[in-house]
Amino acid sequence: YAGGRLFDARTSPFGAALTPVQCIHYALTRPAVASILAGYDTPE
C-alpha cells in the first residue's frame, strides 16, 4: 500500500487514489508474486 499513501489523491504520486483491493491486484499481477502480506490493526 506504499504506507497507505496510495489511498489518498493528495499523497499519491499519481495524483489519484487507489483502493486496497486495487493495490492488492497490482501486486498479484506481477510475475513470480505469490502473496501480498498486508498489515492489520483489527479483524475488520
Full PDB file with SEQRES, HELIX, SHEET, SSBOND, CRYST1, ORIGX, SCALE, CONECT and MASTER records, all heavy atoms in Angstrom:
SEQRES   1 A   44  TYR ALA GLY GLY ARG LEU PHE ASP ALA ARG THR SER PRO          
SEQRES   2 A   44  PHE GLY ALA ALA LEU THR PRO VAL GLN CYS ILE HIS TYR          
SEQRES   3 A   44  ALA LEU THR ARG PRO ALA VAL ALA SER ILE LEU ALA GLY          
SEQRES   4 A   44  TYR ASP THR PRO GLU                                          
HELIX    1 AA1 ALA A    2  PHE A    7  5                                   6    
HELIX    2 AA2 PRO A   20  LEU A   28  1                                   9    
CRYST1    1.000    1.000    1.000  90.00  90.00  90.00 P 1           1          
ORIGX1      1.000000  0.000000  0.000000        0.00000                         
ORIGX2      0.000000  1.000000  0.000000        0.00000                         
ORIGX3      0.000000  0.000000  1.000000        0.00000                         
SCALE1      1.000000  0.000000  0.000000        0.00000                         
SCALE2      0.000000  1.000000  0.000000        0.00000                         
SCALE3      0.000000  0.000000  1.000000        0.00000                         
ATOM      1  N   TYR A   1       0.820  -1.214   0.000  1.00  0.00           N  
ATOM      2  CA  TYR A   1       0.000   0.000   0.000  1.00  0.00           C  
ATOM      3  C   TYR A   1       0.858   1.272   0.000  1.00  0.00           C  
ATOM      4  O   TYR A   1       0.334   2.375   0.115  1.00  0.00           O  
ATOM      5  CB  TYR A   1      -0.899   0.046   1.235  1.00  0.00           C  
ATOM      6  CG  TYR A   1      -1.864  -1.104   1.401  1.00  0.00           C  
ATOM      7  CD1 TYR A   1      -2.368  -1.428   2.665  1.00  0.00           C  
ATOM      8  CD2 TYR A   1      -2.290  -1.886   0.321  1.00  0.00           C  
ATOM      9  CE1 TYR A   1      -3.263  -2.464   2.849  1.00  0.00           C  
ATOM     10  CE2 TYR A   1      -3.174  -2.937   0.489  1.00  0.00           C  
ATOM     11  CZ  TYR A   1      -3.666  -3.223   1.764  1.00  0.00           C  
ATOM     12  OH  TYR A   1      -4.556  -4.257   1.936  1.00  0.00           O  
ATOM     13  N   ALA A   2       2.178   1.118  -0.095  1.00  0.00           N  
ATOM     14  CA  ALA A   2       3.112   2.252  -0.019  1.00  0.00           C  
ATOM     15  C   ALA A   2       2.874   3.068   1.245  1.00  0.00           C  
ATOM     16  O   ALA A   2       2.849   4.297   1.232  1.00  0.00           O  
ATOM     17  CB  ALA A   2       3.007   3.150  -1.255  1.00  0.00           C  
ATOM     18  N   GLY A   3       2.688   2.352   2.356  1.00  0.00           N  
ATOM     19  CA  GLY A   3       2.466   3.018   3.632  1.00  0.00           C  
ATOM     20  C   GLY A   3       1.134   3.735   3.719  1.00  0.00           C  
ATOM     21  O   GLY A   3       0.945   4.604   4.571  1.00  0.00           O  
ATOM     22  N   GLY A   4       0.196   3.383   2.832  1.00  0.00           N  
ATOM     23  CA  GLY A   4      -1.127   3.999   2.830  1.00  0.00           C  
ATOM     24  C   GLY A   4      -1.220   5.261   1.990  1.00  0.00           C  
ATOM     25  O   GLY A   4      -2.313   5.806   1.785  1.00  0.00           O  
ATOM     26  N   ARG A   5      -0.100   5.725   1.441  1.00  0.00           N  
ATOM     27  CA  ARG A   5      -0.112   6.983   0.686  1.00  0.00           C  
ATOM     28  C   ARG A   5      -0.905   6.864  -0.614  1.00  0.00           C  
ATOM     29  O   ARG A   5      -1.379   7.868  -1.151  1.00  0.00           O  
ATOM     30  CB  ARG A   5       1.310   7.448   0.390  1.00  0.00           C  
ATOM     31  CG  ARG A   5       2.083   6.558  -0.564  1.00  0.00           C  
ATOM     32  CD  ARG A   5       3.504   7.045  -0.794  1.00  0.00           C  
ATOM     33  NE  ARG A   5       3.503   8.389  -1.351  1.00  0.00           N  
ATOM     34  CZ  ARG A   5       4.598   8.978  -1.820  1.00  0.00           C  
ATOM     35  NH1 ARG A   5       5.756   8.358  -1.763  1.00  0.00           N  
ATOM     36  NH2 ARG A   5       4.544  10.184  -2.333  1.00  0.00           N  
ATOM     37  N   LEU A   6      -1.081   5.649  -1.127  1.00  0.00           N  
ATOM     38  CA  LEU A   6      -1.812   5.475  -2.382  1.00  0.00           C  
ATOM     39  C   LEU A   6      -3.321   5.593  -2.213  1.00  0.00           C  
ATOM     40  O   LEU A   6      -4.055   5.668  -3.190  1.00  0.00           O  
ATOM     41  CB  LEU A   6      -1.472   4.110  -3.003  1.00  0.00           C  
ATOM     42  CG  LEU A   6      -0.026   3.935  -3.453  1.00  0.00           C  
ATOM     43  CD1 LEU A   6       0.204   2.524  -3.972  1.00  0.00           C  
ATOM     44  CD2 LEU A   6       0.330   4.950  -4.528  1.00  0.00           C  
ATOM     45  N   PHE A   7      -3.788   5.623  -0.978  1.00  0.00           N  
ATOM     46  CA  PHE A   7      -5.231   5.670  -0.728  1.00  0.00           C  
ATOM     47  C   PHE A   7      -5.801   7.082  -0.799  1.00  0.00           C  
ATOM     48  O   PHE A   7      -7.013   7.263  -0.694  1.00  0.00           O  
ATOM     49  CB  PHE A   7      -5.554   5.079   0.652  1.00  0.00           C  
ATOM     50  CG  PHE A   7      -5.162   3.631   0.812  1.00  0.00           C  
ATOM     51  CD1 PHE A   7      -4.981   3.094   2.083  1.00  0.00           C  
ATOM     52  CD2 PHE A   7      -4.970   2.802  -0.280  1.00  0.00           C  
ATOM     53  CE1 PHE A   7      -4.627   1.767   2.252  1.00  0.00           C  
ATOM     54  CE2 PHE A   7      -4.602   1.477  -0.122  1.00  0.00           C  
ATOM     55  CZ  PHE A   7      -4.439   0.953   1.149  1.00  0.00           C  
ATOM     56  N   ASP A   8      -4.944   8.077  -0.952  1.00  0.00           N  
ATOM     57  CA  ASP A   8      -5.388   9.466  -0.930  1.00  0.00           C  
ATOM     58  C   ASP A   8      -4.749  10.202  -2.107  1.00  0.00           C  
ATOM     59  O   ASP A   8      -3.522  10.195  -2.255  1.00  0.00           O  
ATOM     60  CB  ASP A   8      -4.964  10.116   0.396  1.00  0.00           C  
ATOM     61  CG  ASP A   8      -5.562  11.497   0.611  1.00  0.00           C  
ATOM     62  OD1 ASP A   8      -5.779  12.224  -0.378  1.00  0.00           O  
ATOM     63  OD2 ASP A   8      -5.788  11.862   1.777  1.00  0.00           O  
ATOM     64  N   ALA A   9      -5.571  10.846  -2.934  1.00  0.00           N  
ATOM     65  CA  ALA A   9      -5.054  11.564  -4.105  1.00  0.00           C  
ATOM     66  C   ALA A   9      -4.070  12.658  -3.711  1.00  0.00           C  
ATOM     67  O   ALA A   9      -3.165  13.000  -4.481  1.00  0.00           O  
ATOM     68  CB  ALA A   9      -6.210  12.160  -4.906  1.00  0.00           C  
ATOM     69  N   ARG A  10      -4.199  13.189  -2.486  1.00  0.00           N  
ATOM     70  CA  ARG A  10      -3.298  14.259  -2.048  1.00  0.00           C  
ATOM     71  C   ARG A  10      -1.896  13.752  -1.758  1.00  0.00           C  
ATOM     72  O   ARG A  10      -0.916  14.504  -1.856  1.00  0.00           O  
ATOM     73  CB  ARG A  10      -3.871  14.943  -0.809  1.00  0.00           C  
ATOM     74  CG  ARG A  10      -5.169  15.702  -1.059  1.00  0.00           C  
ATOM     75  CD  ARG A  10      -5.803  16.142   0.238  1.00  0.00           C  
ATOM     76  NE  ARG A  10      -6.166  14.990   1.067  1.00  0.00           N  
ATOM     77  CZ  ARG A  10      -6.732  15.091   2.274  1.00  0.00           C  
ATOM     78  NH1 ARG A  10      -6.973  16.288   2.794  1.00  0.00           N  
ATOM     79  NH2 ARG A  10      -7.037  14.005   2.953  1.00  0.00           N  
ATOM     80  N   THR A  11      -1.753  12.484  -1.385  1.00  0.00           N  
ATOM     81  CA  THR A  11      -0.436  11.924  -1.064  1.00  0.00           C  
ATOM     82  C   THR A  11       0.064  10.945  -2.132  1.00  0.00           C  
ATOM     83  O   THR A  11       1.237  10.590  -2.138  1.00  0.00           O  
ATOM     84  CB  THR A  11      -0.484  11.190   0.295  1.00  0.00           C  
ATOM     85  OG1 THR A  11      -1.500  10.177   0.249  1.00  0.00           O  
ATOM     86  CG2 THR A  11      -0.784  12.162   1.419  1.00  0.00           C  
ATOM     87  N   SER A  12      -0.810  10.538  -3.018  1.00  0.00           N  
ATOM     88  CA  SER A  12      -0.417   9.614  -4.080  1.00  0.00           C  
ATOM     89  C   SER A  12       0.448  10.333  -5.108  1.00  0.00           C  
ATOM     90  O   SER A  12       0.103  11.426  -5.557  1.00  0.00           O  
ATOM     91  CB  SER A  12      -1.657   9.056  -4.783  1.00  0.00           C  
ATOM     92  OG  SER A  12      -1.301   8.424  -6.009  1.00  0.00           O  
ATOM     93  N   PRO A  13       1.581   9.746  -5.520  1.00  0.00           N  
ATOM     94  CA  PRO A  13       2.421  10.385  -6.541  1.00  0.00           C  
ATOM     95  C   PRO A  13       1.733  10.460  -7.901  1.00  0.00           C  
ATOM     96  O   PRO A  13       2.187  11.188  -8.785  1.00  0.00           O  
ATOM     97  CB  PRO A  13       3.668   9.500  -6.598  1.00  0.00           C  
ATOM     98  CG  PRO A  13       3.226   8.192  -6.070  1.00  0.00           C  
ATOM     99  CD  PRO A  13       2.178   8.484  -5.046  1.00  0.00           C  
ATOM    100  N   PHE A  14       0.631   9.713  -8.068  1.00  0.00           N  
ATOM    101  CA  PHE A  14      -0.116   9.758  -9.321  1.00  0.00           C  
ATOM    102  C   PHE A  14      -1.127  10.895  -9.349  1.00  0.00           C  
ATOM    103  O   PHE A  14      -1.695  11.204 -10.393  1.00  0.00           O  
ATOM    104  CB  PHE A  14      -0.867   8.436  -9.540  1.00  0.00           C  
ATOM    105  CG  PHE A  14       0.011   7.230  -9.530  1.00  0.00           C  
ATOM    106  CD1 PHE A  14      -0.004   6.357  -8.452  1.00  0.00           C  
ATOM    107  CD2 PHE A  14       0.877   6.966 -10.570  1.00  0.00           C  
ATOM    108  CE1 PHE A  14       0.817   5.240  -8.432  1.00  0.00           C  
ATOM    109  CE2 PHE A  14       1.703   5.859 -10.560  1.00  0.00           C  
ATOM    110  CZ  PHE A  14       1.674   4.999  -9.484  1.00  0.00           C  
ATOM    111  N   GLY A  15      -1.404  11.489  -8.178  1.00  0.00           N  
ATOM    112  CA  GLY A  15      -2.462  12.480  -8.104  1.00  0.00           C  
ATOM    113  C   GLY A  15      -3.833  11.849  -8.175  1.00  0.00           C  
ATOM    114  O   GLY A  15      -4.836  12.517  -8.429  1.00  0.00           O  
ATOM    115  N   ALA A  16      -3.905  10.559  -7.943  1.00  0.00           N  
ATOM    116  CA  ALA A  16      -5.168   9.817  -7.949  1.00  0.00           C  
ATOM    117  C   ALA A  16      -5.069   8.715  -6.911  1.00  0.00           C  
ATOM    118  O   ALA A  16      -3.985   8.177  -6.661  1.00  0.00           O  
ATOM    119  CB  ALA A  16      -5.435   9.217  -9.328  1.00  0.00           C  
ATOM    120  N   ALA A  17      -6.205   8.389  -6.293  1.00  0.00           N  
ATOM    121  CA  ALA A  17      -6.220   7.400  -5.212  1.00  0.00           C  
ATOM    122  C   ALA A  17      -6.544   6.010  -5.734  1.00  0.00           C  
ATOM    123  O   ALA A  17      -7.333   5.834  -6.666  1.00  0.00           O  
ATOM    124  CB  ALA A  17      -7.256   7.803  -4.166  1.00  0.00           C  
ATOM    125  N   LEU A  18      -5.918   5.025  -5.110  1.00  0.00           N  
ATOM    126  CA  LEU A  18      -6.218   3.614  -5.351  1.00  0.00           C  
ATOM    127  C   LEU A  18      -6.853   3.029  -4.086  1.00  0.00           C  
ATOM    128  O   LEU A  18      -6.653   3.544  -2.984  1.00  0.00           O  
ATOM    129  CB  LEU A  18      -4.949   2.838  -5.688  1.00  0.00           C  
ATOM    130  CG  LEU A  18      -4.283   3.141  -7.029  1.00  0.00           C  
ATOM    131  CD1 LEU A  18      -2.859   2.612  -7.043  1.00  0.00           C  
ATOM    132  CD2 LEU A  18      -5.076   2.532  -8.182  1.00  0.00           C  
ATOM    133  N   THR A  19      -7.577   1.950  -4.235  1.00  0.00           N  
ATOM    134  CA  THR A  19      -8.162   1.248  -3.099  1.00  0.00           C  
ATOM    135  C   THR A  19      -7.242   0.110  -2.664  1.00  0.00           C  
ATOM    136  O   THR A  19      -6.362  -0.316  -3.431  1.00  0.00           O  
ATOM    137  CB  THR A  19      -9.525   0.656  -3.476  1.00  0.00           C  
ATOM    138  OG1 THR A  19      -9.317  -0.387  -4.449  1.00  0.00           O  
ATOM    139  CG2 THR A  19     -10.460   1.712  -4.040  1.00  0.00           C  
ATOM    140  N   PRO A  20      -7.432  -0.436  -1.444  1.00  0.00           N  
ATOM    141  CA  PRO A  20      -6.653  -1.611  -1.052  1.00  0.00           C  
ATOM    142  C   PRO A  20      -6.788  -2.761  -2.044  1.00  0.00           C  
ATOM    143  O   PRO A  20      -5.794  -3.421  -2.362  1.00  0.00           O  
ATOM    144  CB  PRO A  20      -7.240  -1.966   0.321  1.00  0.00           C  
ATOM    145  CG  PRO A  20      -7.713  -0.662   0.878  1.00  0.00           C  
ATOM    146  CD  PRO A  20      -8.256   0.090  -0.312  1.00  0.00           C  
ATOM    147  N   VAL A  21      -7.997  -3.011  -2.534  1.00  0.00           N  
ATOM    148  CA  VAL A  21      -8.204  -4.112  -3.481  1.00  0.00           C  
ATOM    149  C   VAL A  21      -7.411  -3.879  -4.763  1.00  0.00           C  
ATOM    150  O   VAL A  21      -6.805  -4.804  -5.319  1.00  0.00           O  
ATOM    151  CB  VAL A  21      -9.705  -4.295  -3.776  1.00  0.00           C  
ATOM    152  CG1 VAL A  21      -9.922  -5.168  -5.017  1.00  0.00           C  
ATOM    153  CG2 VAL A  21     -10.408  -4.925  -2.578  1.00  0.00           C  
ATOM    154  N   GLN A  22      -7.373  -2.638  -5.241  1.00  0.00           N  
ATOM    155  CA  GLN A  22      -6.606  -2.343  -6.455  1.00  0.00           C  
ATOM    156  C   GLN A  22      -5.106  -2.522  -6.217  1.00  0.00           C  
ATOM    157  O   GLN A  22      -4.396  -3.054  -7.082  1.00  0.00           O  
ATOM    158  CB  GLN A  22      -6.909  -0.916  -6.921  1.00  0.00           C  
ATOM    159  CG  GLN A  22      -8.305  -0.769  -7.506  1.00  0.00           C  
ATOM    160  CD  GLN A  22      -8.731   0.680  -7.679  1.00  0.00           C  
ATOM    161  OE1 GLN A  22      -8.217   1.583  -7.012  1.00  0.00           O  
ATOM    162  NE2 GLN A  22      -9.672   0.904  -8.571  1.00  0.00           N  
ATOM    163  N   CYS A  23      -4.617  -2.093  -5.065  1.00  0.00           N  
ATOM    164  CA  CYS A  23      -3.197  -2.288  -4.745  1.00  0.00           C  
ATOM    165  C   CYS A  23      -2.853  -3.778  -4.663  1.00  0.00           C  
ATOM    166  O   CYS A  23      -1.798  -4.213  -5.135  1.00  0.00           O  
ATOM    167  CB  CYS A  23      -2.857  -1.607  -3.422  1.00  0.00           C  
ATOM    168  SG  CYS A  23      -2.891   0.197  -3.476  1.00  0.00           S  
ATOM    169  N   ILE A  24      -3.731  -4.548  -4.046  1.00  0.00           N  
ATOM    170  CA  ILE A  24      -3.518  -5.994  -3.937  1.00  0.00           C  
ATOM    171  C   ILE A  24      -3.475  -6.615  -5.326  1.00  0.00           C  
ATOM    172  O   ILE A  24      -2.596  -7.439  -5.634  1.00  0.00           O  
ATOM    173  CB  ILE A  24      -4.620  -6.634  -3.072  1.00  0.00           C  
ATOM    174  CG1 ILE A  24      -4.454  -6.234  -1.600  1.00  0.00           C  
ATOM    175  CG2 ILE A  24      -4.611  -8.155  -3.207  1.00  0.00           C  
ATOM    176  CD1 ILE A  24      -5.635  -6.594  -0.723  1.00  0.00           C  
ATOM    177  N   HIS A  25      -4.405  -6.211  -6.183  1.00  0.00           N  
ATOM    178  CA  HIS A  25      -4.454  -6.795  -7.531  1.00  0.00           C  
ATOM    179  C   HIS A  25      -3.202  -6.431  -8.316  1.00  0.00           C  
ATOM    180  O   HIS A  25      -2.654  -7.270  -9.048  1.00  0.00           O  
ATOM    181  CB  HIS A  25      -5.700  -6.316  -8.261  1.00  0.00           C  
ATOM    182  CG  HIS A  25      -5.993  -7.092  -9.505  1.00  0.00           C  
ATOM    183  ND1 HIS A  25      -6.076  -8.480  -9.524  1.00  0.00           N  
ATOM    184  CD2 HIS A  25      -6.207  -6.707 -10.799  1.00  0.00           C  
ATOM    185  CE1 HIS A  25      -6.338  -8.898 -10.748  1.00  0.00           C  
ATOM    186  NE2 HIS A  25      -6.411  -7.836 -11.543  1.00  0.00           N  
ATOM    187  N   TYR A  26      -2.725  -5.205  -8.162  1.00  0.00           N  
ATOM    188  CA  TYR A  26      -1.489  -4.812  -8.843  1.00  0.00           C  
ATOM    189  C   TYR A  26      -0.346  -5.736  -8.434  1.00  0.00           C  
ATOM    190  O   TYR A  26       0.382  -6.274  -9.273  1.00  0.00           O  
ATOM    191  CB  TYR A  26      -1.120  -3.366  -8.523  1.00  0.00           C  
ATOM    192  CG  TYR A  26       0.162  -2.942  -9.203  1.00  0.00           C  
ATOM    193  CD1 TYR A  26       0.151  -2.457 -10.500  1.00  0.00           C  
ATOM    194  CD2 TYR A  26       1.397  -3.095  -8.566  1.00  0.00           C  
ATOM    195  CE1 TYR A  26       1.336  -2.119 -11.147  1.00  0.00           C  
ATOM    196  CE2 TYR A  26       2.578  -2.763  -9.197  1.00  0.00           C  
ATOM    197  CZ  TYR A  26       2.537  -2.274 -10.492  1.00  0.00           C  
ATOM    198  OH  TYR A  26       3.723  -1.966 -11.137  1.00  0.00           O  
ATOM    199  N   ALA A  27      -0.180  -5.929  -7.127  1.00  0.00           N  
ATOM    200  CA  ALA A  27       0.921  -6.774  -6.648  1.00  0.00           C  
ATOM    201  C   ALA A  27       0.790  -8.200  -7.158  1.00  0.00           C  
ATOM    202  O   ALA A  27       1.771  -8.820  -7.589  1.00  0.00           O  
ATOM    203  CB  ALA A  27       0.961  -6.756  -5.122  1.00  0.00           C  
ATOM    204  N   LEU A  28      -0.413  -8.733  -7.132  1.00  0.00           N  
ATOM    205  CA  LEU A  28      -0.620 -10.133  -7.504  1.00  0.00           C  
ATOM    206  C   LEU A  28      -0.546 -10.373  -9.008  1.00  0.00           C  
ATOM    207  O   LEU A  28      -0.477 -11.524  -9.436  1.00  0.00           O  
ATOM    208  CB  LEU A  28      -1.960 -10.635  -6.956  1.00  0.00           C  
ATOM    209  CG  LEU A  28      -2.033 -10.788  -5.428  1.00  0.00           C  
ATOM    210  CD1 LEU A  28      -3.443 -11.169  -4.994  1.00  0.00           C  
ATOM    211  CD2 LEU A  28      -1.023 -11.810  -4.918  1.00  0.00           C  
ATOM    212  N   THR A  29      -0.535  -9.307  -9.812  1.00  0.00           N  
ATOM    213  CA  THR A  29      -0.360  -9.484 -11.250  1.00  0.00           C  
ATOM    214  C   THR A  29       1.098  -9.350 -11.675  1.00  0.00           C  
ATOM    215  O   THR A  29       1.410  -9.503 -12.859  1.00  0.00           O  
ATOM    216  CB  THR A  29      -1.219  -8.484 -12.052  1.00  0.00           C  
ATOM    217  OG1 THR A  29      -0.992  -7.156 -11.571  1.00  0.00           O  
ATOM    218  CG2 THR A  29      -2.695  -8.822 -11.944  1.00  0.00           C  
ATOM    219  N   ARG A  30       2.011  -9.104 -10.729  1.00  0.00           N  
ATOM    220  CA  ARG A  30       3.439  -9.087 -11.079  1.00  0.00           C  
ATOM    221  C   ARG A  30       3.927 -10.527 -11.248  1.00  0.00           C  
ATOM    222  O   ARG A  30       3.546 -11.425 -10.477  1.00  0.00           O  
ATOM    223  CB  ARG A  30       4.292  -8.438  -9.981  1.00  0.00           C  
ATOM    224  CG  ARG A  30       4.010  -6.981  -9.636  1.00  0.00           C  
ATOM    225  CD  ARG A  30       3.939  -6.061 -10.819  1.00  0.00           C  
ATOM    226  NE  ARG A  30       2.557  -5.941 -11.251  1.00  0.00           N  
ATOM    227  CZ  ARG A  30       2.176  -5.619 -12.480  1.00  0.00           C  
ATOM    228  NH1 ARG A  30       3.059  -5.409 -13.417  1.00  0.00           N  
ATOM    229  NH2 ARG A  30       0.899  -5.526 -12.781  1.00  0.00           N  
ATOM    230  N   PRO A  31       4.808 -10.769 -12.221  1.00  0.00           N  
ATOM    231  CA  PRO A  31       5.392 -12.106 -12.361  1.00  0.00           C  
ATOM    232  C   PRO A  31       6.064 -12.565 -11.070  1.00  0.00           C  
ATOM    233  O   PRO A  31       6.671 -11.765 -10.356  1.00  0.00           O  
ATOM    234  CB  PRO A  31       6.424 -11.916 -13.481  1.00  0.00           C  
ATOM    235  CG  PRO A  31       5.905 -10.754 -14.274  1.00  0.00           C  
ATOM    236  CD  PRO A  31       5.270  -9.839 -13.270  1.00  0.00           C  
ATOM    237  N   ALA A  32       5.924 -13.833 -10.751  1.00  0.00           N  
ATOM    238  CA  ALA A  32       6.579 -14.514  -9.622  1.00  0.00           C  
ATOM    239  C   ALA A  32       5.958 -14.207  -8.267  1.00  0.00           C  
ATOM    240  O   ALA A  32       6.308 -14.849  -7.276  1.00  0.00           O  
ATOM    241  CB  ALA A  32       8.083 -14.216  -9.576  1.00  0.00           C  
ATOM    242  N   VAL A  33       5.046 -13.249  -8.184  1.00  0.00           N  
ATOM    243  CA  VAL A  33       4.447 -12.911  -6.888  1.00  0.00           C  
ATOM    244  C   VAL A  33       3.451 -13.989  -6.465  1.00  0.00           C  
ATOM    245  O   VAL A  33       2.576 -14.383  -7.242  1.00  0.00           O  
ATOM    246  CB  VAL A  33       3.762 -11.532  -6.930  1.00  0.00           C  
ATOM    247  CG1 VAL A  33       2.868 -11.327  -5.706  1.00  0.00           C  
ATOM    248  CG2 VAL A  33       4.818 -10.431  -6.995  1.00  0.00           C  
ATOM    249  N   ALA A  34       3.589 -14.449  -5.225  1.00  0.00           N  
ATOM    250  CA  ALA A  34       2.701 -15.474  -4.686  1.00  0.00           C  
ATOM    251  C   ALA A  34       1.733 -14.926  -3.655  1.00  0.00           C  
ATOM    252  O   ALA A  34       0.602 -15.397  -3.550  1.00  0.00           O  
ATOM    253  CB  ALA A  34       3.520 -16.613  -4.073  1.00  0.00           C  
ATOM    254  N   SER A  35       2.166 -13.940  -2.861  1.00  0.00           N  
ATOM    255  CA  SER A  35       1.322 -13.468  -1.763  1.00  0.00           C  
ATOM    256  C   SER A  35       1.683 -12.029  -1.410  1.00  0.00           C  
ATOM    257  O   SER A  35       2.852 -11.643  -1.461  1.00  0.00           O  
ATOM    258  CB  SER A  35       1.514 -14.350  -0.522  1.00  0.00           C  
ATOM    259  OG  SER A  35       0.706 -13.915   0.557  1.00  0.00           O  
ATOM    260  N   ILE A  36       0.675 -11.249  -1.054  1.00  0.00           N  
ATOM    261  CA  ILE A  36       0.903  -9.908  -0.544  1.00  0.00           C  
ATOM    262  C   ILE A  36       0.610  -9.909   0.949  1.00  0.00           C  
ATOM    263  O   ILE A  36      -0.467 -10.333   1.382  1.00  0.00           O  
ATOM    264  CB  ILE A  36       0.062  -8.844  -1.281  1.00  0.00           C  
ATOM    265  CG1 ILE A  36       0.236  -7.469  -0.622  1.00  0.00           C  
ATOM    266  CG2 ILE A  36      -1.400  -9.235  -1.396  1.00  0.00           C  
ATOM    267  CD1 ILE A  36      -0.351  -6.315  -1.432  1.00  0.00           C  
ATOM    268  N   LEU A  37       1.584  -9.487   1.727  1.00  0.00           N  
ATOM    269  CA  LEU A  37       1.490  -9.531   3.184  1.00  0.00           C  
ATOM    270  C   LEU A  37       1.096  -8.143   3.694  1.00  0.00           C  
ATOM    271  O   LEU A  37       1.926  -7.236   3.761  1.00  0.00           O  
ATOM    272  CB  LEU A  37       2.833  -9.959   3.782  1.00  0.00           C  
ATOM    273  CG  LEU A  37       3.434 -11.241   3.176  1.00  0.00           C  
ATOM    274  CD1 LEU A  37       4.767 -11.554   3.835  1.00  0.00           C  
ATOM    275  CD2 LEU A  37       2.481 -12.400   3.311  1.00  0.00           C  
ATOM    276  N   ALA A  38      -0.174  -8.002   4.018  1.00  0.00           N  
ATOM    277  CA  ALA A  38      -0.696  -6.707   4.458  1.00  0.00           C  
ATOM    278  C   ALA A  38      -0.669  -6.616   5.979  1.00  0.00           C  
ATOM    279  O   ALA A  38      -0.655  -7.633   6.674  1.00  0.00           O  
ATOM    280  CB  ALA A  38      -2.116  -6.517   3.930  1.00  0.00           C  
ATOM    281  N   GLY A  39      -0.677  -5.389   6.468  1.00  0.00           N  
ATOM    282  CA  GLY A  39      -0.726  -5.169   7.913  1.00  0.00           C  
ATOM    283  C   GLY A  39      -2.153  -4.931   8.366  1.00  0.00           C  
ATOM    284  O   GLY A  39      -2.946  -4.306   7.655  1.00  0.00           O  
ATOM    285  N   TYR A  40      -2.492  -5.439   9.552  1.00  0.00           N  
ATOM    286  CA  TYR A  40      -3.855  -5.316  10.069  1.00  0.00           C  
ATOM    287  C   TYR A  40      -3.821  -4.884  11.532  1.00  0.00           C  
ATOM    288  O   TYR A  40      -3.108  -5.461  12.339  1.00  0.00           O  
ATOM    289  CB  TYR A  40      -4.596  -6.655   9.976  1.00  0.00           C  
ATOM    290  CG  TYR A  40      -4.437  -7.382   8.665  1.00  0.00           C  
ATOM    291  CD1 TYR A  40      -3.797  -8.628   8.608  1.00  0.00           C  
ATOM    292  CD2 TYR A  40      -4.905  -6.838   7.478  1.00  0.00           C  
ATOM    293  CE1 TYR A  40      -3.645  -9.306   7.412  1.00  0.00           C  
ATOM    294  CE2 TYR A  40      -4.754  -7.505   6.266  1.00  0.00           C  
ATOM    295  CZ  TYR A  40      -4.125  -8.736   6.241  1.00  0.00           C  
ATOM    296  OH  TYR A  40      -3.970  -9.403   5.051  1.00  0.00           O  
ATOM    297  N   ASP A  41      -4.641  -3.883  11.850  1.00  0.00           N  
ATOM    298  CA  ASP A  41      -4.832  -3.493  13.244  1.00  0.00           C  
ATOM    299  C   ASP A  41      -6.015  -4.215  13.878  1.00  0.00           C  
ATOM    300  O   ASP A  41      -6.047  -4.420  15.087  1.00  0.00           O  
ATOM    301  CB  ASP A  41      -5.080  -1.982  13.347  1.00  0.00           C  
ATOM    302  CG  ASP A  41      -3.794  -1.182  13.384  1.00  0.00           C  
ATOM    303  OD1 ASP A  41      -2.883  -1.574  14.135  1.00  0.00           O  
ATOM    304  OD2 ASP A  41      -3.698  -0.177  12.673  1.00  0.00           O  
ATOM    305  N   THR A  42      -6.987  -4.554  13.045  1.00  0.00           N  
ATOM    306  CA  THR A  42      -8.238  -5.123  13.548  1.00  0.00           C  
ATOM    307  C   THR A  42      -8.720  -6.226  12.621  1.00  0.00           C  
ATOM    308  O   THR A  42      -8.298  -6.295  11.452  1.00  0.00           O  
ATOM    309  CB  THR A  42      -9.339  -4.043  13.603  1.00  0.00           C  
ATOM    310  OG1 THR A  42      -9.637  -3.628  12.250  1.00  0.00           O  
ATOM    311  CG2 THR A  42      -8.906  -2.841  14.419  1.00  0.00           C  
ATOM    312  N   PRO A  43      -9.640  -7.070  13.091  1.00  0.00           N  
ATOM    313  CA  PRO A  43     -10.238  -8.064  12.196  1.00  0.00           C  
ATOM    314  C   PRO A  43     -10.921  -7.418  10.978  1.00  0.00           C  
ATOM    315  O   PRO A  43     -10.939  -8.007   9.893  1.00  0.00           O  
ATOM    316  CB  PRO A  43     -11.256  -8.773  13.099  1.00  0.00           C  
ATOM    317  CG  PRO A  43     -10.658  -8.656  14.470  1.00  0.00           C  
ATOM    318  CD  PRO A  43     -10.039  -7.298  14.495  1.00  0.00           C  
ATOM    319  N   GLU A  44     -11.457  -6.216  11.147  1.00  0.00           N  
ATOM    320  CA  GLU A  44     -12.093  -5.536  10.023  1.00  0.00           C  
ATOM    321  C   GLU A  44     -11.076  -5.237   8.925  1.00  0.00           C  
ATOM    322  O   GLU A  44     -11.385  -5.357   7.723  1.00  0.00           O  
ATOM    323  CB  GLU A  44     -12.762  -4.244  10.487  1.00  0.00           C  
ATOM    324  CG  GLU A  44     -13.474  -3.477   9.376  1.00  0.00           C  
ATOM    325  CD  GLU A  44     -14.515  -4.299   8.634  1.00  0.00           C  
ATOM    326  OE1 GLU A  44     -15.111  -5.217   9.237  1.00  0.00           O  
ATOM    327  OE2 GLU A  44     -14.743  -4.016   7.436  1.00  0.00           O  
TER     328      GLU A  44                                                      
MASTER        0    0    0    2    0    0    0    6  327    1    0    4          
END                                                                             
